[in-house]
Amino acid sequence: MIEKAIKNFPKQFEWEPKIGNKKNWKQFSSFILAGMGGSHLVGDIFQAVAPGFNLSVHQDYGLPAWPLVVLKDTLVIASSYSGNTEETLSAFEEAVSRQIPVAAISIGGKLLEMAKKQGVPYIQIPDTGIQPRMATGYMFKALSKITGREDLLSQAGEFARLRPEEFQERGKELAQKLKGKIPVAYASNRNYCIAYIWKITFNETAKIPSFYNVFPELNHNEMTGFDVKPATKGLSNKFHFVFLRDSEDEQRIQKRMEVLKRLYEERGLGVEIIDLQGSSRMERIFSSLLLADWAAYHTAKLYGVEPEQVPMVEDFKKLIS
């Protein structure tokens, strides 16, 4: 199923979202995306492709502790792929109870039921049976529509031409290099969402530990944890680094990547540089995520683990319910 989901990813950009309860929708200039797990990734991507756009991502119960006067002029977008995420439902309920503008994005569940009952704007995305982390195309188009960013909605439609099979062999090669290692994804701060999504893709699909960080901050702390010494070599040897390099990154950031690669390799650490591909910022992001999907999928196959489902997440939800 997950291999099919990767191959069918471009089809998500053919979908045209429609706003339910549209008579109650209006344009805002400030937004909060309240979502967890795969349901908030679209907000992170949005911040990367539309820098300066006033959208904050909230990953918690309820709403941010902002002054009420500010919240009243902000559209809270409750984003839950399943429609049953308890943190997101609590954000929606708080917004309704405090008469703060709210909208919803989901395939269904309690969230869509409440949105319809309360008469608030919503977008119902197609339920194709895929995992939330695999639905970033649908979610991105839905978020573009509900925020009134028709320009981004139109641009996203162009990615129906992406060819996932072009990234599969590179992903398979990367999986071979990562076998027996813990992947650590590094990117520029402006591309933090890419490194973060690479990390969670390895967590959820390959079922392995994985981490991420960003330049230049990591040069002031994290890298010193890999200044390999005889007593710590056994710890450091478990890691393999993936540097996600963007041709549009500031030259000083690109220099930092080159220098750190040299320092890590001098200490016997494995480093892979992945150059982002695409003619636009948005294309480079979504192309990179396809490569991450393939790398994690083939890593899962190497370890003999089921790549699609996330049983530990489901077990955890049952235990806290």
C-alpha atoms as a PDB file:
ATOM      1  CA  MET A   1       0.000   0.000   0.000  1.00  0.00           C
ATOM      2  CA  ILE A   2       2.735   2.490   0.905  1.00  0.00           C
ATOM      3  CA  GLU A   3       4.614   1.852  -2.353  1.00  0.00           C
ATOM      4  CA  LYS A   4       1.393   2.602  -4.219  1.00  0.00           C
ATOM      5  CA  ALA A   5       0.884   5.752  -2.109  1.00  0.00           C
ATOM      6  CA  ILE A   6       4.345   7.027  -3.065  1.00  0.00           C
ATOM      7  CA  LYS A   7       3.769   6.340  -6.760  1.00  0.00           C
ATOM      8  CA  ASN A   8       0.332   7.994  -6.641  1.00  0.00           C
ATOM      9  CA  PHE A   9       1.519  11.058  -4.698  1.00  0.00           C
ATOM     10  CA  PRO A  10       1.409  13.434  -7.731  1.00  0.00           C
ATOM     11  CA  LYS A  11      -2.285  12.650  -8.210  1.00  0.00           C
ATOM     12  CA  GLN A  12      -2.996  14.509  -4.969  1.00  0.00           C
ATOM     13  CA  PHE A  13      -2.173  17.768  -6.745  1.00  0.00           C
ATOM     14  CA  GLU A  14      -4.950  17.168  -9.279  1.00  0.00           C
ATOM     15  CA  TRP A  15      -7.575  17.442  -6.536  1.00  0.00           C
ATOM     16  CA  GLU A  16      -9.491  20.717  -6.238  1.00  0.00           C
ATOM     17  CA  PRO A  17     -10.536  21.556  -2.654  1.00  0.00           C
ATOM     18  CA  LYS A  18     -13.934  23.092  -1.913  1.00  0.00           C
ATOM     19  CA  ILE A  19     -14.937  25.008   1.205  1.00  0.00           C
ATOM     20  CA  GLY A  20     -17.990  23.697   3.033  1.00  0.00           C
ATOM     21  CA  ASN A  21     -20.167  26.272   4.852  1.00  0.00           C
ATOM     22  CA  LYS A  22     -18.506  28.781   2.546  1.00  0.00           C
ATOM     23  CA  LYS A  23     -21.050  31.467   3.389  1.00  0.00           C
ATOM     24  CA  ASN A  24     -19.369  31.699   6.797  1.00  0.00           C
ATOM     25  CA  TRP A  25     -15.828  31.853   5.399  1.00  0.00           C
ATOM     26  CA  LYS A  26     -13.968  35.139   5.094  1.00  0.00           C
ATOM     27  CA  GLN A  27     -10.412  36.216   4.453  1.00  0.00           C
ATOM     28  CA  PHE A  28      -8.048  36.693   7.398  1.00  0.00           C
ATOM     29  CA  SER A  29      -4.475  37.942   7.549  1.00  0.00           C
ATOM     30  CA  SER A  30      -3.425  35.871  10.577  1.00  0.00           C
ATOM     31  CA  PHE A  31      -3.700  32.101  11.041  1.00  0.00           C
ATOM     32  CA  ILE A  32      -3.014  29.347  13.560  1.00  0.00           C
ATOM     33  CA  LEU A  33      -2.770  25.792  12.256  1.00  0.00           C
ATOM     34  CA  ALA A  34      -3.616  23.477  15.154  1.00  0.00           C
ATOM     35  CA  GLY A  35      -2.535  19.930  14.348  1.00  0.00           C
ATOM     36  CA  MET A  36      -0.452  16.968  15.439  1.00  0.00           C
ATOM     37  CA  GLY A  37       1.781  14.477  13.654  1.00  0.00           C
ATOM     38  CA  GLY A  38       1.248  14.280   9.918  1.00  0.00           C
ATOM     39  CA  SER A  39      -1.605  16.779  10.159  1.00  0.00           C
ATOM     40  CA  HIS A  40       0.647  19.729  10.985  1.00  0.00           C
ATOM     41  CA  LEU A  41       3.401  19.024   8.428  1.00  0.00           C
ATOM     42  CA  VAL A  42       1.548  21.084   5.860  1.00  0.00           C
ATOM     43  CA  GLY A  43       1.856  24.130   8.127  1.00  0.00           C
ATOM     44  CA  ASP A  44       5.615  23.655   8.352  1.00  0.00           C
ATOM     45  CA  ILE A  45       5.835  23.377   4.549  1.00  0.00           C
ATOM     46  CA  PHE A  46       3.643  26.452   4.189  1.00  0.00           C
ATOM     47  CA  GLN A  47       6.012  28.495   6.334  1.00  0.00           C
ATOM     48  CA  ALA A  48       8.885  27.415   4.084  1.00  0.00           C
ATOM     49  CA  VAL A  49       7.247  28.215   0.738  1.00  0.00           C
ATOM     50  CA  ALA A  50       5.546  31.422   1.917  1.00  0.00           C
ATOM     51  CA  PRO A  51       8.070  33.088   4.259  1.00  0.00           C
ATOM     52  CA  GLY A  52       6.553  36.071   6.025  1.00  0.00           C
ATOM     53  CA  PHE A  53       3.012  34.719   5.713  1.00  0.00           C
ATOM     54  CA  ASN A  54       1.383  35.087   9.122  1.00  0.00           C
ATOM     55  CA  LEU A  55       0.759  31.436   9.978  1.00  0.00           C
ATOM     56  CA  SER A  56       1.768  29.778  13.247  1.00  0.00           C
ATOM     57  CA  VAL A  57       1.781  26.034  13.912  1.00  0.00           C
ATOM     58  CA  HIS A  58       0.320  24.910  17.247  1.00  0.00           C
ATOM     59  CA  GLN A  59       1.107  21.345  18.407  1.00  0.00           C
ATOM     60  CA  ASP A  60      -0.671  21.000  21.734  1.00  0.00           C
ATOM     61  CA  TYR A  61      -4.038  20.933  23.472  1.00  0.00           C
ATOM     62  CA  GLY A  62      -6.210  24.040  23.356  1.00  0.00           C
ATOM     63  CA  LEU A  63      -4.970  27.278  21.842  1.00  0.00           C
ATOM     64  CA  PRO A  64      -1.788  29.319  22.246  1.00  0.00           C
ATOM     65  CA  ALA A  65      -1.747  31.723  25.195  1.00  0.00           C
ATOM     66  CA  TRP A  66      -2.199  34.756  22.960  1.00  0.00           C
ATOM     67  CA  PRO A  67      -4.220  37.828  24.029  1.00  0.00           C
ATOM     68  CA  LEU A  68      -7.893  37.371  23.226  1.00  0.00           C
ATOM     69  CA  VAL A  69      -7.894  40.537  21.119  1.00  0.00           C
ATOM     70  CA  VAL A  70      -5.277  38.930  18.855  1.00  0.00           C
ATOM     71  CA  LEU A  71      -7.040  35.563  18.689  1.00  0.00           C
ATOM     72  CA  LYS A  72     -10.293  37.274  17.680  1.00  0.00           C
ATOM     73  CA  ASP A  73      -8.558  38.504  14.504  1.00  0.00           C
ATOM     74  CA  THR A  74      -6.952  35.124  13.759  1.00  0.00           C
ATOM     75  CA  LEU A  75      -8.422  32.127  11.960  1.00  0.00           C
ATOM     76  CA  VAL A  76      -7.748  28.906  13.859  1.00  0.00           C
ATOM     77  CA  ILE A  77      -7.469  26.048  11.374  1.00  0.00           C
ATOM     78  CA  ALA A  78      -8.054  22.721  13.122  1.00  0.00           C
ATOM     79  CA  SER A  79      -6.178  20.162  11.038  1.00  0.00           C
ATOM     80  CA  SER A  80      -6.703  16.473  11.815  1.00  0.00           C
ATOM     81  CA  TYR A  81      -6.395  13.939   9.026  1.00  0.00           C
ATOM     82  CA  SER A  82      -8.512  11.366  10.869  1.00  0.00           C
ATOM     83  CA  GLY A  83     -10.762  13.968  12.441  1.00  0.00           C
ATOM     84  CA  ASN A  84     -10.353  12.308  15.828  1.00  0.00           C
ATOM     85  CA  THR A  85      -7.072  13.727  17.184  1.00  0.00           C
ATOM     86  CA  GLU A  86      -7.839  14.767  20.754  1.00  0.00           C
ATOM     87  CA  GLU A  87      -5.423  17.705  20.904  1.00  0.00           C
ATOM     88  CA  THR A  88      -6.897  19.172  17.708  1.00  0.00           C
ATOM     89  CA  LEU A  89     -10.460  18.576  18.850  1.00  0.00           C
ATOM     90  CA  SER A  90      -9.674  20.474  22.054  1.00  0.00           C
ATOM     91  CA  ALA A  91      -8.343  23.410  20.001  1.00  0.00           C
ATOM     92  CA  PHE A  92     -11.520  23.434  17.907  1.00  0.00           C
ATOM     93  CA  GLU A  93     -13.758  23.267  20.970  1.00  0.00           C
ATOM     94  CA  GLU A  94     -11.891  26.054  22.733  1.00  0.00           C
ATOM     95  CA  ALA A  95     -12.119  28.278  19.662  1.00  0.00           C
ATOM     96  CA  VAL A  96     -15.883  27.709  19.430  1.00  0.00           C
ATOM     97  CA  SER A  97     -16.454  28.273  23.159  1.00  0.00           C
ATOM     98  CA  ARG A  98     -14.440  31.513  23.144  1.00  0.00           C
ATOM     99  CA  GLN A  99     -16.023  32.680  19.856  1.00  0.00           C
ATOM    100  CA  ILE A 100     -12.690  32.714  18.055  1.00  0.00           C
ATOM    101  CA  PRO A 101     -12.849  32.229  14.263  1.00  0.00           C
ATOM    102  CA  VAL A 102     -12.221  28.590  13.355  1.00  0.00           C
ATOM    103  CA  ALA A 103     -12.169  26.303  10.318  1.00  0.00           C
ATOM    104  CA  ALA A 104     -11.411  22.594   9.869  1.00  0.00           C
ATOM    105  CA  ILE A 105      -9.494  20.289   7.518  1.00  0.00           C
ATOM    106  CA  SER A 106     -10.072  16.531   7.727  1.00  0.00           C
ATOM    107  CA  ILE A 107     -11.225  13.387   5.948  1.00  0.00           C
ATOM    108  CA  GLY A 108     -14.109  13.112   8.432  1.00  0.00           C
ATOM    109  CA  GLY A 109     -14.430  11.958  12.044  1.00  0.00           C
ATOM    110  CA  LYS A 110     -15.580  14.031  14.997  1.00  0.00           C
ATOM    111  CA  LEU A 111     -13.895  17.176  13.712  1.00  0.00           C
ATOM    112  CA  LEU A 112     -15.935  17.300  10.520  1.00  0.00           C
ATOM    113  CA  GLU A 113     -19.098  16.432  12.430  1.00  0.00           C
ATOM    114  CA  MET A 114     -18.540  19.372  14.787  1.00  0.00           C
ATOM    115  CA  ALA A 115     -17.626  21.724  11.943  1.00  0.00           C
ATOM    116  CA  LYS A 116     -20.845  20.935  10.106  1.00  0.00           C
ATOM    117  CA  LYS A 117     -22.906  21.184  13.295  1.00  0.00           C
ATOM    118  CA  GLN A 118     -21.357  24.538  14.265  1.00  0.00           C
ATOM    119  CA  GLY A 119     -21.658  25.911  10.734  1.00  0.00           C
ATOM    120  CA  VAL A 120     -17.946  26.751  10.486  1.00  0.00           C
ATOM    121  CA  PRO A 121     -15.985  26.556   7.228  1.00  0.00           C
ATOM    122  CA  TYR A 122     -14.332  23.225   6.499  1.00  0.00           C
ATOM    123  CA  ILE A 123     -12.552  21.315   3.752  1.00  0.00           C
ATOM    124  CA  GLN A 124     -13.038  17.580   3.498  1.00  0.00           C
ATOM    125  CA  ILE A 125     -10.032  15.921   1.897  1.00  0.00           C
ATOM    126  CA  PRO A 126     -10.316  12.596   0.040  1.00  0.00           C
ATOM    127  CA  ASP A 127     -10.107   9.462   2.161  1.00  0.00           C
ATOM    128  CA  THR A 128      -7.853   7.200   0.091  1.00  0.00           C
ATOM    129  CA  GLY A 129      -6.729   5.027   2.991  1.00  0.00           C
ATOM    130  CA  ILE A 130      -3.204   6.444   3.180  1.00  0.00           C
ATOM    131  CA  GLN A 131      -1.399   7.527   6.333  1.00  0.00           C
ATOM    132  CA  PRO A 132      -1.454  11.249   7.302  1.00  0.00           C
ATOM    133  CA  ARG A 133       2.267  11.679   6.551  1.00  0.00           C
ATOM    134  CA  MET A 134       1.590  10.557   2.968  1.00  0.00           C
ATOM    135  CA  ALA A 135      -1.187  13.124   2.380  1.00  0.00           C
ATOM    136  CA  THR A 136       0.846  16.355   2.252  1.00  0.00           C
ATOM    137  CA  GLY A 137      -0.353  17.131  -1.278  1.00  0.00           C
ATOM    138  CA  TYR A 138      -4.017  17.045  -0.270  1.00  0.00           C
ATOM    139  CA  MET A 139      -3.322  18.911   2.949  1.00  0.00           C
ATOM    140  CA  PHE A 140      -1.247  21.595   1.238  1.00  0.00           C
ATOM    141  CA  LYS A 141      -3.949  22.340  -1.309  1.00  0.00           C
ATOM    142  CA  ALA A 142      -6.610  22.409   1.429  1.00  0.00           C
ATOM    143  CA  LEU A 143      -4.571  24.841   3.526  1.00  0.00           C
ATOM    144  CA  SER A 144      -3.913  27.053   0.495  1.00  0.00           C
ATOM    145  CA  LYS A 145      -7.652  27.205  -0.181  1.00  0.00           C
ATOM    146  CA  ILE A 146      -8.795  27.903   3.387  1.00  0.00           C
ATOM    147  CA  THR A 147      -6.201  30.685   3.789  1.00  0.00           C
ATOM    148  CA  GLY A 148      -7.153  32.289   0.479  1.00  0.00           C
ATOM    149  CA  ARG A 149      -3.756  31.669  -1.115  1.00  0.00           C
ATOM    150  CA  GLU A 150      -4.986  30.936  -4.614  1.00  0.00           C
ATOM    151  CA  ASP A 151      -1.477  31.607  -5.936  1.00  0.00           C
ATOM    152  CA  LEU A 152      -0.029  28.697  -3.954  1.00  0.00           C
ATOM    153  CA  LEU A 153      -3.031  26.537  -4.828  1.00  0.00           C
ATOM    154  CA  SER A 154      -2.365  27.127  -8.518  1.00  0.00           C
ATOM    155  CA  GLN A 155       1.364  26.512  -8.183  1.00  0.00           C
ATOM    156  CA  ALA A 156       0.770  23.258  -6.306  1.00  0.00           C
ATOM    157  CA  GLY A 157      -1.416  22.033  -9.143  1.00  0.00           C
ATOM    158  CA  GLU A 158       1.657  21.950 -11.365  1.00  0.00           C
ATOM    159  CA  PHE A 159       3.168  19.075  -9.369  1.00  0.00           C
ATOM    160  CA  ALA A 160       0.800  16.517 -10.834  1.00  0.00           C
ATOM    161  CA  ARG A 161       3.723  16.138 -13.284  1.00  0.00           C
ATOM    162  CA  LEU A 162       6.150  14.852 -10.624  1.00  0.00           C
ATOM    163  CA  ARG A 163       7.568  11.401 -11.435  1.00  0.00           C
ATOM    164  CA  PRO A 164       8.124   9.475  -8.187  1.00  0.00           C
ATOM    165  CA  GLU A 165       9.889   6.601  -9.958  1.00  0.00           C
ATOM    166  CA  GLU A 166      12.766   8.959 -10.792  1.00  0.00           C
ATOM    167  CA  PHE A 167      13.649   9.086  -7.078  1.00  0.00           C
ATOM    168  CA  GLN A 168      13.318   5.410  -6.229  1.00  0.00           C
ATOM    169  CA  GLU A 169      16.790   4.173  -7.158  1.00  0.00           C
ATOM    170  CA  ARG A 170      18.472   7.017  -5.253  1.00  0.00           C
ATOM    171  CA  GLY A 171      16.289   6.224  -2.251  1.00  0.00           C
ATOM    172  CA  LYS A 172      17.229   2.551  -2.458  1.00  0.00           C
ATOM    173  CA  GLU A 173      20.945   3.425  -2.589  1.00  0.00           C
ATOM    174  CA  LEU A 174      20.585   5.687   0.424  1.00  0.00           C
ATOM    175  CA  ALA A 175      18.793   2.949   2.358  1.00  0.00           C
ATOM    176  CA  GLN A 176      21.737   0.621   1.775  1.00  0.00           C
ATOM    177  CA  LYS A 177      24.142   3.218   3.173  1.00  0.00           C
ATOM    178  CA  LEU A 178      21.916   3.783   6.197  1.00  0.00           C
ATOM    179  CA  LYS A 179      21.496   0.133   7.142  1.00  0.00           C
ATOM    180  CA  GLY A 180      22.663  -0.343  10.708  1.00  0.00           C
ATOM    181  CA  LYS A 181      22.858   3.419  11.242  1.00  0.00           C
ATOM    182  CA  ILE A 182      20.726   6.134  12.837  1.00  0.00           C
ATOM    183  CA  PRO A 183      19.919   8.814  10.231  1.00  0.00           C
ATOM    184  CA  VAL A 184      20.336  12.474  11.198  1.00  0.00           C
ATOM    185  CA  ALA A 185      18.943  15.009   8.714  1.00  0.00           C
ATOM    186  CA  TYR A 186      20.471  18.474   8.549  1.00  0.00           C
ATOM    187  CA  ALA A 187      19.207  21.454   6.527  1.00  0.00           C
ATOM    188  CA  SER A 188      19.320  25.226   6.589  1.00  0.00           C
ATOM    189  CA  ASN A 189      16.998  26.928   9.056  1.00  0.00           C
ATOM    190  CA  ARG A 190      14.804  28.097   6.151  1.00  0.00           C
ATOM    191  CA  ASN A 191      14.412  24.432   5.148  1.00  0.00           C
ATOM    192  CA  TYR A 192      13.869  23.054   8.636  1.00  0.00           C
ATOM    193  CA  CYS A 193      10.584  21.454   7.543  1.00  0.00           C
ATOM    194  CA  ILE A 194      12.409  19.226   5.055  1.00  0.00           C
ATOM    195  CA  ALA A 195      14.874  17.906   7.646  1.00  0.00           C
ATOM    196  CA  TYR A 196      12.050  17.423  10.156  1.00  0.00           C
ATOM    197  CA  ILE A 197       9.891  15.471   7.707  1.00  0.00           C
ATOM    198  CA  TRP A 198      12.867  13.282   6.719  1.00  0.00           C
ATOM    199  CA  LYS A 199      13.303  12.469  10.404  1.00  0.00           C
ATOM    200  CA  ILE A 200       9.678  11.492  11.009  1.00  0.00           C
ATOM    201  CA  THR A 201       9.521   9.545   7.749  1.00  0.00           C
ATOM    202  CA  PHE A 202      12.314   7.283   9.007  1.00  0.00           C
ATOM    203  CA  ASN A 203      10.588   7.068  12.401  1.00  0.00           C
ATOM    204  CA  GLU A 204       7.168   6.115  11.037  1.00  0.00           C
ATOM    205  CA  THR A 205       7.983   4.185   7.869  1.00  0.00           C
ATOM    206  CA  ALA A 206      11.283   2.472   8.741  1.00  0.00           C
ATOM    207  CA  LYS A 207      10.485   2.207  12.495  1.00  0.00           C
ATOM    208  CA  ILE A 208      13.988   3.376  13.468  1.00  0.00           C
ATOM    209  CA  PRO A 209      15.378   6.229  15.588  1.00  0.00           C
ATOM    210  CA  SER A 210      16.115   9.337  13.543  1.00  0.00           C
ATOM    211  CA  PHE A 211      16.835  12.968  14.364  1.00  0.00           C
ATOM    212  CA  TYR A 212      17.215  16.364  12.715  1.00  0.00           C
ATOM    213  CA  ASN A 213      18.762  19.777  13.247  1.00  0.00           C
ATOM    214  CA  VAL A 214      19.419  22.984  11.342  1.00  0.00           C
ATOM    215  CA  PHE A 215      22.307  25.206  10.295  1.00  0.00           C
ATOM    216  CA  PRO A 216      23.720  27.446  11.667  1.00  0.00           C
ATOM    217  CA  GLU A 217      22.436  26.617  15.181  1.00  0.00           C
ATOM    218  CA  LEU A 218      23.849  23.076  15.228  1.00  0.00           C
ATOM    219  CA  ASN A 219      27.355  24.517  14.715  1.00  0.00           C
ATOM    220  CA  HIS A 220      27.077  26.080  18.160  1.00  0.00           C
ATOM    221  CA  ASN A 221      26.169  22.917  20.060  1.00  0.00           C
ATOM    222  CA  GLU A 222      25.182  19.591  18.484  1.00  0.00           C
ATOM    223  CA  MET A 223      28.287  19.040  16.386  1.00  0.00           C
ATOM    224  CA  THR A 224      30.448  19.016  19.509  1.00  0.00           C
ATOM    225  CA  GLY A 225      28.624  15.858  20.558  1.00  0.00           C
ATOM    226  CA  PHE A 226      30.280  14.179  17.575  1.00  0.00           C
ATOM    227  CA  ASP A 227      33.843  15.284  18.297  1.00  0.00           C
ATOM    228  CA  VAL A 228      34.733  11.603  18.405  1.00  0.00           C
ATOM    229  CA  LYS A 229      37.105  10.378  21.105  1.00  0.00           C
ATOM    230  CA  PRO A 230      38.198   6.798  21.816  1.00  0.00           C
ATOM    231  CA  ALA A 231      35.804   6.572  24.760  1.00  0.00           C
ATOM    232  CA  THR A 232      32.799   7.847  22.736  1.00  0.00           C
ATOM    233  CA  LYS A 233      33.501   6.261  19.362  1.00  0.00           C
ATOM    234  CA  GLY A 234      31.061   3.435  20.031  1.00  0.00           C
ATOM    235  CA  LEU A 235      28.252   5.984  20.419  1.00  0.00           C
ATOM    236  CA  SER A 236      29.102   8.180  17.433  1.00  0.00           C
ATOM    237  CA  ASN A 237      29.608   5.276  15.020  1.00  0.00           C
ATOM    238  CA  LYS A 238      25.891   4.540  15.056  1.00  0.00           C
ATOM    239  CA  PHE A 239      25.001   7.792  13.261  1.00  0.00           C
ATOM    240  CA  HIS A 240      24.925   8.658   9.565  1.00  0.00           C
ATOM    241  CA  PHE A 241      24.282  12.235   8.473  1.00  0.00           C
ATOM    242  CA  VAL A 242      22.185  13.446   5.550  1.00  0.00           C
ATOM    243  CA  PHE A 243      22.842  17.078   4.598  1.00  0.00           C
ATOM    244  CA  LEU A 244      19.935  18.494   2.583  1.00  0.00           C
ATOM    245  CA  ARG A 245      21.534  21.216   0.483  1.00  0.00           C
ATOM    246  CA  ASP A 246      19.557  23.863  -1.385  1.00  0.00           C
ATOM    247  CA  SER A 247      21.174  25.928  -4.153  1.00  0.00           C
ATOM    248  CA  GLU A 248      19.224  28.909  -2.794  1.00  0.00           C
ATOM    249  CA  ASP A 249      20.698  28.564   0.695  1.00  0.00           C
ATOM    250  CA  GLU A 250      22.859  31.504   1.711  1.00  0.00           C
ATOM    251  CA  GLN A 251      26.481  31.017   0.687  1.00  0.00           C
ATOM    252  CA  ARG A 252      27.605  31.099   4.315  1.00  0.00           C
ATOM    253  CA  ILE A 253      25.253  28.213   5.101  1.00  0.00           C
ATOM    254  CA  GLN A 254      26.554  26.206   2.149  1.00  0.00           C
ATOM    255  CA  LYS A 255      30.106  26.826   3.356  1.00  0.00           C
ATOM    256  CA  ARG A 256      29.128  25.597   6.836  1.00  0.00           C
ATOM    257  CA  MET A 257      27.818  22.374   5.293  1.00  0.00           C
ATOM    258  CA  GLU A 258      31.070  21.765   3.420  1.00  0.00           C
ATOM    259  CA  VAL A 259      33.230  22.482   6.445  1.00  0.00           C
ATOM    260  CA  LEU A 260      31.162  20.310   8.782  1.00  0.00           C
ATOM    261  CA  LYS A 261      31.141  17.470   6.259  1.00  0.00           C
ATOM    262  CA  ARG A 262      34.950  17.561   6.274  1.00  0.00           C
ATOM    263  CA  LEU A 263      35.147  17.678  10.075  1.00  0.00           C
ATOM    264  CA  TYR A 264      32.708  14.783  10.480  1.00  0.00           C
ATOM    265  CA  GLU A 265      34.445  12.633   7.873  1.00  0.00           C
ATOM    266  CA  GLU A 266      37.831  13.298   9.508  1.00  0.00           C
ATOM    267  CA  ARG A 267      36.280  11.760  12.626  1.00  0.00           C
ATOM    268  CA  GLY A 268      35.122   8.684  10.757  1.00  0.00           C
ATOM    269  CA  LEU A 269      31.449   9.688  10.508  1.00  0.00           C
ATOM    270  CA  GLY A 270      29.368   8.982   7.410  1.00  0.00           C
ATOM    271  CA  VAL A 271      27.939  12.009   5.602  1.00  0.00           C
ATOM    272  CA  GLU A 272      25.688  12.118   2.570  1.00  0.00           C
ATOM    273  CA  ILE A 273      24.925  15.391   0.756  1.00  0.00           C
ATOM    274  CA  ILE A 274      21.545  15.480  -0.995  1.00  0.00           C
ATOM    275  CA  ASP A 275      21.067  18.377  -3.404  1.00  0.00           C
ATOM    276  CA  LEU A 276      17.419  19.436  -3.572  1.00  0.00           C
ATOM    277  CA  GLN A 277      16.041  19.226  -7.111  1.00  0.00           C
ATOM    278  CA  GLY A 278      13.433  21.423  -8.756  1.00  0.00           C
ATOM    279  CA  SER A 279      12.882  24.758 -10.451  1.00  0.00           C
ATOM    280  CA  SER A 280      10.921  26.286  -7.570  1.00  0.00           C
ATOM    281  CA  ARG A 281      11.140  26.202  -3.791  1.00  0.00           C
ATOM    282  CA  MET A 282       7.902  24.242  -3.575  1.00  0.00           C
ATOM    283  CA  GLU A 283       9.054  21.670  -6.122  1.00  0.00           C
ATOM    284  CA  ARG A 284      12.355  21.166  -4.294  1.00  0.00           C
ATOM    285  CA  ILE A 285      10.492  20.479  -1.063  1.00  0.00           C
ATOM    286  CA  PHE A 286       8.008  17.968  -2.469  1.00  0.00           C
ATOM    287  CA  SER A 287      10.683  16.244  -4.583  1.00  0.00           C
ATOM    288  CA  SER A 288      12.850  15.848  -1.496  1.00  0.00           C
ATOM    289  CA  LEU A 289       9.955  14.328   0.418  1.00  0.00           C
ATOM    290  CA  LEU A 290       9.497  11.732  -2.327  1.00  0.00           C
ATOM    291  CA  LEU A 291      13.158  10.781  -1.953  1.00  0.00           C
ATOM    292  CA  ALA A 292      12.700  10.513   1.821  1.00  0.00           C
ATOM    293  CA  ASP A 293       9.675   8.263   1.313  1.00  0.00           C
ATOM    294  CA  TRP A 294      11.615   5.902  -0.944  1.00  0.00           C
ATOM    295  CA  ALA A 295      14.669   5.851   1.338  1.00  0.00           C
ATOM    296  CA  ALA A 296      12.543   5.039   4.390  1.00  0.00           C
ATOM    297  CA  TYR A 297      10.472   2.461   2.495  1.00  0.00           C
ATOM    298  CA  HIS A 298      13.565   0.575   1.332  1.00  0.00           C
ATOM    299  CA  THR A 299      15.089   0.871   4.817  1.00  0.00           C
ATOM    300  CA  ALA A 300      11.955  -0.791   6.197  1.00  0.00           C
ATOM    301  CA  LYS A 301      12.342  -3.613   3.669  1.00  0.00           C
ATOM    302  CA  LEU A 302      15.983  -4.117   4.674  1.00  0.00           C
ATOM    303  CA  TYR A 303      14.945  -4.524   8.315  1.00  0.00           C
ATOM    304  CA  GLY A 304      11.893  -6.619   7.480  1.00  0.00           C
ATOM    305  CA  VAL A 305       9.433  -4.256   9.197  1.00  0.00           C
ATOM    306  CA  GLU A 306       5.943  -3.270   8.052  1.00  0.00           C
ATOM    307  CA  PRO A 307       6.368   0.212   6.535  1.00  0.00           C
ATOM    308  CA  GLU A 308       2.869   1.672   6.514  1.00  0.00           C
ATOM    309  CA  GLN A 309       1.093   1.290   9.833  1.00  0.00           C
ATOM    310  CA  VAL A 310       2.157   2.894  13.130  1.00  0.00           C
ATOM    311  CA  PRO A 311       0.980   0.358  15.738  1.00  0.00           C
ATOM    312  CA  MET A 312       2.833   1.965  18.652  1.00  0.00           C
ATOM    313  CA  VAL A 313       0.933   5.213  18.044  1.00  0.00           C
ATOM    314  CA  GLU A 314      -2.362   3.326  17.988  1.00  0.00           C
ATOM    315  CA  ASP A 315      -1.459   1.411  21.164  1.00  0.00           C
ATOM    316  CA  PHE A 316      -0.560   4.666  22.888  1.00  0.00           C
ATOM    317  CA  LYS A 317      -3.869   6.282  21.911  1.00  0.00           C
ATOM    318  CA  LYS A 318      -5.792   3.328  23.341  1.00  0.00           C
ATOM    319  CA  LEU A 319      -3.893   3.472  26.622  1.00  0.00           C
ATOM    320  CA  ILE A 320      -4.568   7.191  27.177  1.00  0.00           C
ATOM    321  CA  SER A 321      -8.215   7.108  26.075  1.00  0.00           C
END
